[in-house]
Amino acid sequence: MSASRRTWGLRLLALGIALVIWFSVSLDERRRLSEKTVEASVSYNRPRGYVILDPVPSVEVRVRGTERAIRQLNPYMVDVEVGLGAASEGPVTVNLTPDDVRTPDGLEVVSIRPNVLRVELDREISQRVPVEAVLVGEPAGGALADDPEVLPNQVLVTGPESLLTRIQTLKTEPISLDGHALTFEVSVPVVAPDPLIQIVQPSRVSVRIPMIPPGGRNGGD
């Protein structure tokens, strides 16, 4: 046998040994199990006409799987869905189980912490609430701002009954008077006083600010 053939034979033998070792290591890695704890976001399937006052935003979920699957895992791939379809107004206790956790295929849920969630449901209502303009800053040239006119002067909002019944007015984002000496009009958003309160319509209002020149009571248009 020539030296060239012996060299190629040795190369093929080395390649075969390398493939066997790689396959053995890869197979062992696929079979070896590992665990990882991730922070999983919690979503709620709330009953129609109700709002969750104090939702728990996330829980810790520990999962088990092959080392490769665990390495490829990120927190966005695990989440928890809580069903509250049969609940009613008041405090609600939910016991979490692995069935409530959504994970990639091949992963097993080992534990959930906390595995008991306590939330409170309130009725969702809609009502119209007056809007007040918020003015900040100093007008130019000694002018003064007269009472602002808001159009429309009410907006429709939705939210928990316990919160909305305590709200008398809503406010706009601050409107700057800096540099203004003549009457002007702006469109500004209405500010929701709580994340659970939503501005339905309109989300913006027009505000006309009459300006009073120094020594006078009538602003110019």
N, C-alpha and C. Protein backbone atom coordinates (compact mmCIF):
# COMPACT_ATOMS: atom_id res chain seq x y z
N MET A 1 0.86 -1.19 0.00
CA MET A 1 0.00 0.00 0.00
C MET A 1 0.89 1.24 0.00
N SER A 2 0.55 2.21 -0.84
CA SER A 2 1.37 3.41 -0.96
C SER A 2 1.18 4.30 0.26
N ALA A 3 2.17 5.20 0.44
CA ALA A 3 2.11 6.14 1.57
C ALA A 3 0.89 7.04 1.46
N SER A 4 0.52 7.38 0.24
CA SER A 4 -0.65 8.26 0.05
C SER A 4 -1.92 7.59 0.52
N ARG A 5 -2.06 6.30 0.17
CA ARG A 5 -3.27 5.58 0.61
C ARG A 5 -3.30 5.42 2.12
N ARG A 6 -2.11 5.13 2.71
CA ARG A 6 -2.07 5.01 4.17
C ARG A 6 -2.46 6.32 4.85
N THR A 7 -2.02 7.43 4.27
CA THR A 7 -2.36 8.75 4.84
C THR A 7 -3.86 8.99 4.78
N TRP A 8 -4.45 8.70 3.62
CA TRP A 8 -5.90 8.89 3.51
C TRP A 8 -6.66 7.95 4.43
N GLY A 9 -6.15 6.75 4.61
CA GLY A 9 -6.80 5.82 5.52
C GLY A 9 -6.78 6.32 6.95
N LEU A 10 -5.62 6.88 7.36
CA LEU A 10 -5.51 7.43 8.71
C LEU A 10 -6.43 8.63 8.89
N ARG A 11 -6.54 9.44 7.85
CA ARG A 11 -7.42 10.61 7.94
C ARG A 11 -8.88 10.19 8.09
N LEU A 12 -9.28 9.19 7.31
CA LEU A 12 -10.66 8.72 7.41
C LEU A 12 -10.93 8.10 8.78
N LEU A 13 -9.92 7.36 9.30
CA LEU A 13 -10.08 6.76 10.63
C LEU A 13 -10.22 7.85 11.68
N ALA A 14 -9.39 8.91 11.57
CA ALA A 14 -9.47 10.01 12.54
C ALA A 14 -10.82 10.71 12.45
N LEU A 15 -11.30 10.89 11.21
CA LEU A 15 -12.61 11.53 11.03
C LEU A 15 -13.72 10.69 11.64
N GLY A 16 -13.61 9.36 11.42
CA GLY A 16 -14.62 8.48 12.00
C GLY A 16 -14.63 8.52 13.51
N ILE A 17 -13.44 8.53 14.12
CA ILE A 17 -13.35 8.61 15.59
C ILE A 17 -13.93 9.93 16.09
N ALA A 18 -13.62 11.03 15.38
CA ALA A 18 -14.14 12.34 15.79
C ALA A 18 -15.66 12.37 15.73
N LEU A 19 -16.22 11.77 14.66
CA LEU A 19 -17.69 11.73 14.53
C LEU A 19 -18.32 10.91 15.65
N VAL A 20 -17.67 9.80 16.01
CA VAL A 20 -18.20 8.95 17.09
C VAL A 20 -18.18 9.72 18.41
N ILE A 21 -17.07 10.43 18.66
CA ILE A 21 -16.96 11.20 19.90
C ILE A 21 -18.00 12.32 19.93
N TRP A 22 -18.12 13.03 18.79
CA TRP A 22 -19.10 14.13 18.72
C TRP A 22 -20.52 13.62 18.95
N PHE A 23 -20.84 12.49 18.30
CA PHE A 23 -22.19 11.94 18.44
C PHE A 23 -22.44 11.51 19.88
N SER A 24 -21.42 10.91 20.51
CA SER A 24 -21.57 10.46 21.89
C SER A 24 -21.79 11.63 22.84
N VAL A 25 -20.97 12.71 22.64
CA VAL A 25 -21.12 13.90 23.49
C VAL A 25 -22.46 14.56 23.25
N SER A 26 -22.86 14.66 21.96
CA SER A 26 -24.13 15.31 21.63
C SER A 26 -25.30 14.53 22.20
N LEU A 27 -25.22 13.19 22.11
CA LEU A 27 -26.30 12.36 22.65
C LEU A 27 -26.38 12.50 24.15
N ASP A 28 -25.21 12.52 24.81
CA ASP A 28 -25.19 12.69 26.27
C ASP A 28 -25.77 14.03 26.67
N GLU A 29 -25.46 15.08 25.87
CA GLU A 29 -25.99 16.41 26.17
C GLU A 29 -27.50 16.45 26.00
N ARG A 30 -27.99 15.75 24.96
CA ARG A 30 -29.44 15.74 24.73
C ARG A 30 -30.18 15.01 25.84
N ARG A 31 -29.51 14.02 26.45
CA ARG A 31 -30.17 13.23 27.48
C ARG A 31 -30.04 13.87 28.86
N ARG A 32 -28.98 14.64 29.09
CA ARG A 32 -28.73 15.21 30.41
C ARG A 32 -29.75 16.30 30.70
N LEU A 33 -30.35 16.29 31.89
CA LEU A 33 -31.39 17.26 32.26
C LEU A 33 -30.80 18.38 33.09
N SER A 34 -31.43 19.54 32.96
CA SER A 34 -31.01 20.72 33.72
C SER A 34 -32.26 21.50 34.11
N GLU A 35 -32.09 22.43 35.04
CA GLU A 35 -33.23 23.25 35.50
C GLU A 35 -32.86 24.73 35.45
N LYS A 36 -33.90 25.56 35.32
CA LYS A 36 -33.69 27.00 35.28
C LYS A 36 -34.93 27.70 35.81
N THR A 37 -34.73 28.79 36.56
CA THR A 37 -35.84 29.59 37.07
C THR A 37 -35.94 30.88 36.25
N VAL A 38 -37.14 31.17 35.75
CA VAL A 38 -37.36 32.38 34.95
C VAL A 38 -38.51 33.17 35.57
N GLU A 39 -38.51 34.48 35.33
CA GLU A 39 -39.62 35.33 35.76
C GLU A 39 -40.63 35.38 34.64
N ALA A 40 -41.79 34.80 34.86
CA ALA A 40 -42.82 34.69 33.83
C ALA A 40 -43.91 35.72 34.05
N SER A 41 -44.31 36.39 32.99
CA SER A 41 -45.40 37.37 33.09
C SER A 41 -46.73 36.65 33.27
N VAL A 42 -47.66 37.31 33.96
CA VAL A 42 -48.97 36.74 34.24
C VAL A 42 -50.03 37.54 33.50
N SER A 43 -50.86 36.85 32.74
CA SER A 43 -52.01 37.48 32.09
C SER A 43 -53.29 36.91 32.68
N TYR A 44 -54.34 37.71 32.64
CA TYR A 44 -55.59 37.33 33.31
C TYR A 44 -56.76 37.31 32.31
N ASN A 45 -57.49 36.23 32.34
CA ASN A 45 -58.72 36.13 31.56
C ASN A 45 -59.87 36.51 32.49
N ARG A 46 -60.11 37.83 32.59
CA ARG A 46 -61.08 38.33 33.57
C ARG A 46 -62.51 38.21 33.05
N PRO A 47 -63.47 38.09 33.95
CA PRO A 47 -64.87 38.01 33.52
C PRO A 47 -65.33 39.33 32.92
N ARG A 48 -66.23 39.25 31.99
CA ARG A 48 -66.75 40.43 31.31
C ARG A 48 -67.40 41.38 32.32
N GLY A 49 -67.07 42.67 32.21
CA GLY A 49 -67.67 43.67 33.08
C GLY A 49 -66.95 43.88 34.39
N TYR A 50 -65.76 43.27 34.54
CA TYR A 50 -65.00 43.42 35.79
C TYR A 50 -63.57 43.88 35.49
N VAL A 51 -62.96 44.48 36.49
CA VAL A 51 -61.57 44.95 36.40
C VAL A 51 -60.80 44.37 37.57
N ILE A 52 -59.54 44.00 37.33
CA ILE A 52 -58.66 43.51 38.40
C ILE A 52 -57.96 44.70 39.02
N LEU A 53 -58.16 44.92 40.31
CA LEU A 53 -57.61 46.09 40.98
C LEU A 53 -56.11 45.97 41.25
N ASP A 54 -55.66 44.79 41.61
CA ASP A 54 -54.27 44.64 42.03
C ASP A 54 -53.64 43.40 41.38
N PRO A 55 -53.53 43.38 40.06
CA PRO A 55 -52.98 42.19 39.40
C PRO A 55 -51.51 41.95 39.76
N VAL A 56 -51.17 40.69 40.01
CA VAL A 56 -49.77 40.30 40.23
C VAL A 56 -49.13 40.20 38.85
N PRO A 57 -48.08 40.99 38.55
CA PRO A 57 -47.57 41.05 37.18
C PRO A 57 -46.74 39.84 36.76
N SER A 58 -46.08 39.16 37.71
CA SER A 58 -45.20 38.06 37.33
C SER A 58 -45.00 37.09 38.49
N VAL A 59 -44.57 35.89 38.15
CA VAL A 59 -44.22 34.87 39.15
C VAL A 59 -42.93 34.18 38.69
N GLU A 60 -42.28 33.47 39.60
CA GLU A 60 -41.08 32.71 39.26
C GLU A 60 -41.48 31.27 38.91
N VAL A 61 -41.06 30.83 37.75
CA VAL A 61 -41.36 29.47 37.30
C VAL A 61 -40.04 28.72 37.09
N ARG A 62 -39.94 27.58 37.72
CA ARG A 62 -38.75 26.73 37.55
C ARG A 62 -39.11 25.60 36.60
N VAL A 63 -38.31 25.45 35.54
CA VAL A 63 -38.59 24.43 34.52
C VAL A 63 -37.41 23.48 34.41
N ARG A 64 -37.70 22.27 33.91
CA ARG A 64 -36.68 21.25 33.72
C ARG A 64 -36.72 20.78 32.27
N GLY A 65 -35.51 20.54 31.73
CA GLY A 65 -35.42 20.04 30.36
C GLY A 65 -33.98 19.68 30.04
N THR A 66 -33.72 19.32 28.81
CA THR A 66 -32.36 19.00 28.41
C THR A 66 -31.50 20.26 28.50
N GLU A 67 -30.19 20.04 28.60
CA GLU A 67 -29.29 21.19 28.71
C GLU A 67 -29.42 22.11 27.50
N ARG A 68 -29.59 21.52 26.33
CA ARG A 68 -29.73 22.35 25.13
C ARG A 68 -31.00 23.18 25.20
N ALA A 69 -32.11 22.58 25.60
CA ALA A 69 -33.38 23.31 25.69
C ALA A 69 -33.30 24.42 26.73
N ILE A 70 -32.62 24.14 27.83
CA ILE A 70 -32.49 25.15 28.89
C ILE A 70 -31.62 26.31 28.41
N ARG A 71 -30.55 26.02 27.67
CA ARG A 71 -29.68 27.09 27.17
C ARG A 71 -30.43 28.00 26.20
N GLN A 72 -31.32 27.43 25.43
CA GLN A 72 -32.07 28.20 24.44
C GLN A 72 -33.27 28.94 25.02
N LEU A 73 -33.55 28.71 26.29
CA LEU A 73 -34.73 29.29 26.92
C LEU A 73 -34.48 30.73 27.34
N ASN A 74 -35.46 31.60 27.09
CA ASN A 74 -35.42 32.95 27.64
C ASN A 74 -36.78 33.22 28.30
N PRO A 75 -36.84 34.21 29.23
CA PRO A 75 -38.08 34.43 30.00
C PRO A 75 -39.31 34.70 29.15
N TYR A 76 -39.13 35.27 27.94
CA TYR A 76 -40.28 35.60 27.11
C TYR A 76 -40.96 34.36 26.54
N MET A 77 -40.33 33.22 26.69
CA MET A 77 -40.90 31.98 26.17
C MET A 77 -41.78 31.27 27.20
N VAL A 78 -41.85 31.82 28.42
CA VAL A 78 -42.65 31.22 29.49
C VAL A 78 -43.62 32.27 30.02
N ASP A 79 -44.89 31.95 30.08
CA ASP A 79 -45.87 32.87 30.67
C ASP A 79 -46.97 32.09 31.35
N VAL A 80 -47.71 32.80 32.19
CA VAL A 80 -48.77 32.17 32.98
C VAL A 80 -50.10 32.84 32.63
N GLU A 81 -51.10 32.02 32.38
CA GLU A 81 -52.44 32.53 32.06
C GLU A 81 -53.41 32.11 33.15
N VAL A 82 -54.03 33.10 33.78
CA VAL A 82 -54.93 32.86 34.90
C VAL A 82 -56.37 33.05 34.44
N GLY A 83 -57.19 32.06 34.65
CA GLY A 83 -58.60 32.14 34.29
C GLY A 83 -59.45 32.58 35.48
N LEU A 84 -60.22 33.66 35.28
CA LEU A 84 -61.10 34.17 36.34
C LEU A 84 -62.55 34.21 35.85
N GLY A 85 -62.87 33.36 34.91
CA GLY A 85 -64.18 33.43 34.27
C GLY A 85 -65.36 33.28 35.20
N ALA A 86 -65.22 32.46 36.25
CA ALA A 86 -66.35 32.22 37.15
C ALA A 86 -66.31 33.11 38.39
N ALA A 87 -65.33 34.00 38.48
CA ALA A 87 -65.21 34.85 39.66
C ALA A 87 -66.20 36.00 39.62
N SER A 88 -66.42 36.63 40.77
CA SER A 88 -67.33 37.77 40.86
C SER A 88 -66.65 38.86 41.70
N GLU A 89 -67.38 39.93 41.96
CA GLU A 89 -66.82 41.09 42.66
C GLU A 89 -66.28 40.70 44.04
N GLY A 90 -65.08 41.24 44.35
CA GLY A 90 -64.48 40.98 45.65
C GLY A 90 -63.15 40.26 45.52
N PRO A 91 -62.56 39.83 46.65
CA PRO A 91 -61.26 39.13 46.62
C PRO A 91 -61.38 37.75 45.98
N VAL A 92 -60.35 37.38 45.23
CA VAL A 92 -60.32 36.09 44.55
C VAL A 92 -58.97 35.43 44.81
N THR A 93 -58.99 34.15 45.17
CA THR A 93 -57.77 33.38 45.37
C THR A 93 -57.63 32.37 44.25
N VAL A 94 -56.45 32.35 43.61
CA VAL A 94 -56.21 31.46 42.48
C VAL A 94 -55.01 30.57 42.81
N ASN A 95 -55.21 29.25 42.71
CA ASN A 95 -54.12 28.29 42.90
C ASN A 95 -53.51 27.97 41.53
N LEU A 96 -52.24 28.27 41.36
CA LEU A 96 -51.57 28.03 40.08
C LEU A 96 -51.06 26.59 40.01
N THR A 97 -51.20 25.99 38.83
CA THR A 97 -50.70 24.65 38.58
C THR A 97 -49.87 24.67 37.29
N PRO A 98 -49.11 23.62 37.02
CA PRO A 98 -48.34 23.58 35.77
C PRO A 98 -49.22 23.75 34.52
N ASP A 99 -50.49 23.39 34.61
CA ASP A 99 -51.39 23.56 33.46
C ASP A 99 -51.61 25.04 33.11
N ASP A 100 -51.37 25.93 34.07
CA ASP A 100 -51.54 27.37 33.82
C ASP A 100 -50.31 28.00 33.16
N VAL A 101 -49.22 27.23 33.05
CA VAL A 101 -47.96 27.76 32.52
C VAL A 101 -47.77 27.30 31.08
N ARG A 102 -47.45 28.25 30.22
CA ARG A 102 -47.15 27.92 28.83
C ARG A 102 -45.64 27.97 28.62
N THR A 103 -45.09 26.84 28.17
CA THR A 103 -43.64 26.72 27.95
C THR A 103 -43.39 26.10 26.57
N PRO A 104 -42.18 26.21 26.05
CA PRO A 104 -41.85 25.50 24.81
C PRO A 104 -41.96 23.99 25.01
N ASP A 105 -42.19 23.28 23.93
CA ASP A 105 -42.29 21.82 24.00
C ASP A 105 -41.02 21.22 24.57
N GLY A 106 -41.19 20.18 25.36
CA GLY A 106 -40.05 19.47 25.91
C GLY A 106 -39.60 19.96 27.28
N LEU A 107 -40.25 21.00 27.80
CA LEU A 107 -39.90 21.51 29.13
C LEU A 107 -40.99 21.14 30.12
N GLU A 108 -40.56 20.83 31.33
CA GLU A 108 -41.47 20.44 32.42
C GLU A 108 -41.44 21.49 33.51
N VAL A 109 -42.61 21.88 34.00
CA VAL A 109 -42.69 22.85 35.09
C VAL A 109 -42.45 22.14 36.41
N VAL A 110 -41.41 22.59 37.12
CA VAL A 110 -41.05 21.98 38.39
C VAL A 110 -41.76 22.66 39.55
N SER A 111 -41.77 24.01 39.55
CA SER A 111 -42.41 24.74 40.64
C SER A 111 -42.83 26.13 40.16
N ILE A 112 -43.76 26.72 40.90
CA ILE A 112 -44.23 28.09 40.65
C ILE A 112 -44.21 28.82 41.98
N ARG A 113 -43.62 30.01 41.99
CA ARG A 113 -43.54 30.76 43.24
C ARG A 113 -43.87 32.24 42.99
N PRO A 114 -44.90 32.77 43.67
CA PRO A 114 -45.84 32.06 44.53
C PRO A 114 -46.82 31.24 43.68
N ASN A 115 -47.32 30.17 44.27
CA ASN A 115 -48.27 29.34 43.54
C ASN A 115 -49.72 29.66 43.91
N VAL A 116 -49.90 30.68 44.76
CA VAL A 116 -51.24 31.15 45.10
C VAL A 116 -51.29 32.67 44.88
N LEU A 117 -52.21 33.13 44.05
CA LEU A 117 -52.38 34.56 43.78
C LEU A 117 -53.67 35.04 44.41
N ARG A 118 -53.59 36.21 45.02
CA ARG A 118 -54.78 36.83 45.60
C ARG A 118 -54.99 38.19 44.94
N VAL A 119 -56.10 38.33 44.23
CA VAL A 119 -56.44 39.58 43.55
C VAL A 119 -57.84 39.99 43.94
N GLU A 120 -58.23 41.19 43.51
CA GLU A 120 -59.58 41.68 43.82
C GLU A 120 -60.23 42.19 42.55
N LEU A 121 -61.48 41.80 42.36
CA LEU A 121 -62.26 42.22 41.20
C LEU A 121 -63.23 43.33 41.59
N ASP A 122 -63.39 44.28 40.67
CA ASP A 122 -64.35 45.37 40.88
C ASP A 122 -65.14 45.53 39.59
N ARG A 123 -66.34 46.02 39.72
CA ARG A 123 -67.17 46.24 38.54
C ARG A 123 -66.59 47.35 37.67
N GLU A 124 -66.65 47.15 36.37
CA GLU A 124 -66.19 48.17 35.43
C GLU A 124 -67.39 49.02 35.00
N ILE A 125 -67.27 50.33 35.16
CA ILE A 125 -68.36 51.22 34.78
C ILE A 125 -67.82 52.30 33.84
N SER A 126 -68.75 52.99 33.18
CA SER A 126 -68.41 54.11 32.30
C SER A 126 -69.19 55.33 32.76
N GLN A 127 -68.55 56.49 32.68
CA GLN A 127 -69.25 57.72 33.03
C GLN A 127 -68.51 58.91 32.42
N ARG A 128 -69.22 60.03 32.32
CA ARG A 128 -68.62 61.25 31.81
C ARG A 128 -68.11 62.09 32.99
N VAL A 129 -66.91 62.64 32.80
CA VAL A 129 -66.26 63.39 33.88
C VAL A 129 -65.81 64.74 33.33
N PRO A 130 -66.06 65.84 34.05
CA PRO A 130 -65.61 67.16 33.61
C PRO A 130 -64.08 67.22 33.52
N VAL A 131 -63.61 68.11 32.63
CA VAL A 131 -62.16 68.28 32.42
C VAL A 131 -61.75 69.70 32.77
N GLU A 132 -60.67 69.83 33.51
CA GLU A 132 -60.11 71.12 33.85
C GLU A 132 -58.76 71.29 33.17
N ALA A 133 -58.48 72.50 32.67
CA ALA A 133 -57.20 72.78 32.04
C ALA A 133 -56.17 73.14 33.12
N VAL A 134 -54.96 72.65 32.93
CA VAL A 134 -53.86 72.95 33.84
C VAL A 134 -52.92 73.93 33.15
N LEU A 135 -52.75 75.14 33.74
CA LEU A 135 -51.90 76.18 33.16
C LEU A 135 -50.63 76.33 33.99
N VAL A 136 -49.51 76.46 33.29
CA VAL A 136 -48.22 76.66 33.96
C VAL A 136 -47.45 77.75 33.23
N GLY A 137 -46.46 78.32 33.89
CA GLY A 137 -45.60 79.30 33.25
C GLY A 137 -46.09 80.73 33.43
N GLU A 138 -45.35 81.67 32.82
CA GLU A 138 -45.64 83.09 32.94
C GLU A 138 -45.90 83.69 31.56
N PRO A 139 -47.04 84.40 31.39
CA PRO A 139 -47.30 85.06 30.11
C PRO A 139 -46.26 86.15 29.84
N ALA A 140 -46.22 86.58 28.58
CA ALA A 140 -45.26 87.61 28.18
C ALA A 140 -45.82 89.00 28.43
N GLY A 141 -44.91 89.96 28.66
CA GLY A 141 -45.27 91.37 28.70
C GLY A 141 -46.26 91.76 29.78
N GLY A 142 -46.30 91.00 30.89
CA GLY A 142 -47.20 91.36 31.98
C GLY A 142 -48.66 90.99 31.75
N ALA A 143 -48.95 90.24 30.71
CA ALA A 143 -50.33 89.81 30.45
C ALA A 143 -50.76 88.79 31.49
N LEU A 144 -52.08 88.61 31.60
CA LEU A 144 -52.66 87.65 32.54
C LEU A 144 -53.55 86.67 31.79
N ALA A 145 -53.63 85.44 32.28
CA ALA A 145 -54.52 84.44 31.68
C ALA A 145 -55.87 84.47 32.37
N ASP A 146 -56.93 84.56 31.55
CA ASP A 146 -58.29 84.49 32.07
C ASP A 146 -58.69 83.02 32.19
N ASP A 147 -59.90 82.76 32.64
CA ASP A 147 -60.37 81.37 32.81
C ASP A 147 -60.36 80.65 31.46
N PRO A 148 -59.69 79.49 31.37
CA PRO A 148 -59.64 78.76 30.10
C PRO A 148 -60.98 78.10 29.76
N GLU A 149 -61.23 77.93 28.45
CA GLU A 149 -62.44 77.28 27.97
C GLU A 149 -62.05 75.92 27.39
N VAL A 150 -62.65 74.86 27.90
CA VAL A 150 -62.33 73.50 27.46
C VAL A 150 -63.47 72.95 26.62
N LEU A 151 -63.15 72.45 25.42
CA LEU A 151 -64.13 71.87 24.52
C LEU A 151 -63.64 70.53 23.99
N PRO A 152 -64.44 69.47 24.17
CA PRO A 152 -65.61 69.41 25.04
C PRO A 152 -65.18 69.47 26.51
N ASN A 153 -66.09 69.88 27.35
CA ASN A 153 -65.72 70.04 28.77
C ASN A 153 -65.93 68.77 29.58
N GLN A 154 -66.34 67.67 28.91
CA GLN A 154 -66.46 66.37 29.57
C GLN A 154 -65.93 65.28 28.64
N VAL A 155 -65.40 64.21 29.23
CA VAL A 155 -64.95 63.06 28.44
C VAL A 155 -65.52 61.79 29.05
N LEU A 156 -65.65 60.76 28.21
CA LEU A 156 -66.15 59.47 28.66
C LEU A 156 -64.98 58.61 29.11
N VAL A 157 -65.08 58.06 30.31
CA VAL A 157 -64.02 57.21 30.85
C VAL A 157 -64.62 55.90 31.35
N THR A 158 -63.78 54.87 31.41
CA THR A 158 -64.17 53.59 32.00
C THR A 158 -63.13 53.20 33.04
N GLY A 159 -63.57 52.42 34.02
CA GLY A 159 -62.65 51.97 35.06
C GLY A 159 -63.39 51.32 36.21
N PRO A 160 -62.66 50.94 37.25
CA PRO A 160 -63.30 50.31 38.41
C PRO A 160 -64.28 51.28 39.09
N GLU A 161 -65.39 50.76 39.48
CA GLU A 161 -66.42 51.58 40.14
C GLU A 161 -65.88 52.26 41.39
N SER A 162 -65.07 51.54 42.16
CA SER A 162 -64.56 52.11 43.41
C SER A 162 -63.65 53.31 43.18
N LEU A 163 -63.00 53.39 42.01
CA LEU A 163 -62.14 54.52 41.70
C LEU A 163 -62.93 55.66 41.06
N LEU A 164 -63.77 55.32 40.09
CA LEU A 164 -64.48 56.37 39.35
C LEU A 164 -65.45 57.15 40.22
N THR A 165 -66.05 56.50 41.21
CA THR A 165 -67.00 57.22 42.05
C THR A 165 -66.34 58.28 42.91
N ARG A 166 -65.00 58.22 43.04
CA ARG A 166 -64.28 59.21 43.85
C ARG A 166 -63.70 60.35 43.00
N ILE A 167 -63.81 60.24 41.70
CA ILE A 167 -63.21 61.25 40.83
C ILE A 167 -64.25 62.31 40.46
N GLN A 168 -63.95 63.55 40.78
CA GLN A 168 -64.84 64.65 40.46
C GLN A 168 -64.50 65.31 39.12
N THR A 169 -63.20 65.44 38.83
CA THR A 169 -62.75 66.06 37.58
C THR A 169 -61.48 65.36 37.09
N LEU A 170 -61.22 65.52 35.80
CA LEU A 170 -59.96 65.10 35.20
C LEU A 170 -59.20 66.34 34.77
N LYS A 171 -57.90 66.21 34.58
CA LYS A 171 -57.07 67.35 34.20
C LYS A 171 -56.36 67.08 32.89
N THR A 172 -56.03 68.18 32.20
CA THR A 172 -55.25 68.07 30.98
C THR A 172 -53.77 68.01 31.32
N GLU A 173 -52.97 67.70 30.31
CA GLU A 173 -51.53 67.88 30.48
C GLU A 173 -51.26 69.38 30.65
N PRO A 174 -50.18 69.74 31.35
CA PRO A 174 -49.91 71.16 31.58
C PRO A 174 -49.78 71.96 30.27
N ILE A 175 -50.39 73.13 30.25
CA ILE A 175 -50.32 74.04 29.10
C ILE A 175 -49.44 75.22 29.49
N SER A 176 -48.39 75.44 28.73
CA SER A 176 -47.44 76.50 29.07
C SER A 176 -47.95 77.86 28.59
N LEU A 177 -47.90 78.85 29.50
CA LEU A 177 -48.25 80.24 29.16
C LEU A 177 -47.01 81.05 28.76
N ASP A 178 -45.85 80.44 28.83
CA ASP A 178 -44.60 81.16 28.54
C ASP A 178 -44.62 81.77 27.14
N GLY A 179 -44.34 83.06 27.07
CA GLY A 179 -44.24 83.74 25.79
C GLY A 179 -45.56 84.16 25.18
N HIS A 180 -46.69 83.87 25.82
CA HIS A 180 -48.01 84.22 25.27
C HIS A 180 -48.50 85.53 25.88
N ALA A 181 -48.94 86.43 25.00
CA ALA A 181 -49.55 87.69 25.44
C ALA A 181 -50.93 87.85 24.85
N LEU A 182 -51.25 87.06 23.80
CA LEU A 182 -52.55 87.13 23.14
C LEU A 182 -53.29 85.81 23.34
N THR A 183 -54.60 85.88 23.21
CA THR A 183 -55.43 84.68 23.34
C THR A 183 -54.96 83.60 22.36
N PHE A 184 -54.89 82.36 22.85
CA PHE A 184 -54.46 81.26 21.98
C PHE A 184 -55.24 79.99 22.31
N GLU A 185 -55.15 79.02 21.41
CA GLU A 185 -55.88 77.76 21.56
C GLU A 185 -54.95 76.60 21.26
N VAL A 186 -55.05 75.55 22.08
CA VAL A 186 -54.20 74.37 21.89
C VAL A 186 -55.04 73.10 22.06
N SER A 187 -54.54 72.01 21.49
CA SER A 187 -55.14 70.69 21.68
C SER A 187 -54.23 69.89 22.58
N VAL A 188 -54.77 69.37 23.67
CA VAL A 188 -53.94 68.66 24.65
C VAL A 188 -54.62 67.36 25.09
N PRO A 189 -53.81 66.37 25.49
CA PRO A 189 -54.38 65.12 26.00
C PRO A 189 -54.99 65.31 27.39
N VAL A 190 -55.96 64.47 27.69
CA VAL A 190 -56.53 64.38 29.03
C VAL A 190 -55.76 63.29 29.78
N VAL A 191 -55.41 63.58 31.01
CA VAL A 191 -54.56 62.67 31.80
C VAL A 191 -55.43 61.74 32.64
N ALA A 192 -55.19 60.43 32.51
CA ALA A 192 -55.88 59.46 33.37
C ALA A 192 -55.20 59.45 34.74
N PRO A 193 -55.94 59.62 35.82
CA PRO A 193 -55.32 59.69 37.16
C PRO A 193 -54.85 58.35 37.70
N ASP A 194 -55.20 57.26 37.02
CA ASP A 194 -54.82 55.93 37.49
C ASP A 194 -54.70 55.01 36.28
N PRO A 195 -53.72 54.09 36.27
CA PRO A 195 -53.57 53.19 35.12
C PRO A 195 -54.81 52.35 34.83
N LEU A 196 -55.66 52.13 35.84
CA LEU A 196 -56.86 51.32 35.64
C LEU A 196 -58.00 52.12 35.03
N ILE A 197 -57.83 53.43 34.90
CA ILE A 197 -58.86 54.28 34.30
C ILE A 197 -58.46 54.60 32.86
N GLN A 198 -59.36 54.37 31.94
CA GLN A 198 -59.08 54.61 30.52
C GLN A 198 -59.95 55.75 30.00
N ILE A 199 -59.30 56.66 29.26
CA ILE A 199 -60.04 57.74 28.59
C ILE A 199 -60.59 57.16 27.29
N VAL A 200 -61.91 57.07 27.19
CA VAL A 200 -62.52 56.45 26.01
C VAL A 200 -62.59 57.44 24.86
N GLN A 201 -63.30 58.55 25.08
CA GLN A 201 -63.41 59.57 24.04
C GLN A 201 -63.94 60.87 24.64
N PRO A 202 -63.44 61.99 24.11
CA PRO A 202 -62.21 62.04 23.31
C PRO A 202 -61.00 61.97 24.22
N SER A 203 -59.86 61.54 23.68
CA SER A 203 -58.64 61.46 24.48
C SER A 203 -57.93 62.81 24.54
N ARG A 204 -58.31 63.75 23.64
CA ARG A 204 -57.74 65.09 23.63
C ARG A 204 -58.88 66.10 23.61
N VAL A 205 -58.61 67.27 24.16
CA VAL A 205 -59.60 68.35 24.15
C VAL A 205 -58.91 69.63 23.64
N SER A 206 -59.75 70.56 23.17
CA SER A 206 -59.24 71.87 22.76
C SER A 206 -59.41 72.85 23.92
N VAL A 207 -58.38 73.61 24.19
CA VAL A 207 -58.42 74.57 25.29
C VAL A 207 -58.12 75.96 24.73
N ARG A 208 -59.04 76.88 24.96
CA ARG A 208 -58.84 78.28 24.55
C ARG A 208 -58.51 79.09 25.79
N ILE A 209 -57.38 79.77 25.76
CA ILE A 209 -56.93 80.55 26.92
C ILE A 209 -57.01 82.04 26.58
N PRO A 210 -58.03 82.74 27.08
CA PRO A 210 -58.10 84.20 26.85
C PRO A 210 -56.99 84.91 27.63
N MET A 211 -56.29 85.80 26.99
CA MET A 211 -55.22 86.54 27.63
C MET A 211 -55.64 87.99 27.84
N ILE A 212 -55.38 88.51 29.02
CA ILE A 212 -55.73 89.89 29.39
C ILE A 212 -54.46 90.74 29.31
N PRO A 213 -54.45 91.76 28.46
CA PRO A 213 -53.26 92.62 28.37
C PRO A 213 -53.11 93.44 29.64
N PRO A 214 -51.93 93.96 29.89
CA PRO A 214 -51.71 94.78 31.09
C PRO A 214 -52.68 95.95 31.14
N GLY A 215 -53.37 96.08 32.28
CA GLY A 215 -54.29 97.20 32.47
C GLY A 215 -55.63 97.01 31.82
N GLY A 216 -55.93 95.86 31.25
CA GLY A 216 -57.23 95.67 30.59
C GLY A 216 -57.88 94.38 31.01
N ARG A 217 -59.14 94.21 30.65
CA ARG A 217 -59.90 93.00 30.96
C ARG A 217 -60.28 92.21 29.73
N ASN A 218 -60.03 92.73 28.51
CA ASN A 218 -60.41 92.04 27.27
C ASN A 218 -59.16 91.58 26.53
N GLY A 219 -59.02 90.28 26.27
CA GLY A 219 -57.88 89.77 25.55
C GLY A 219 -58.09 89.89 24.05
N GLY A 220 -57.01 89.96 23.31
CA GLY A 220 -57.11 89.99 21.86
C GLY A 220 -57.19 88.59 21.29
N ASP A 221 -57.83 88.43 20.13
CA ASP A 221 -57.95 87.14 19.47
C ASP A 221 -56.83 87.00 18.44
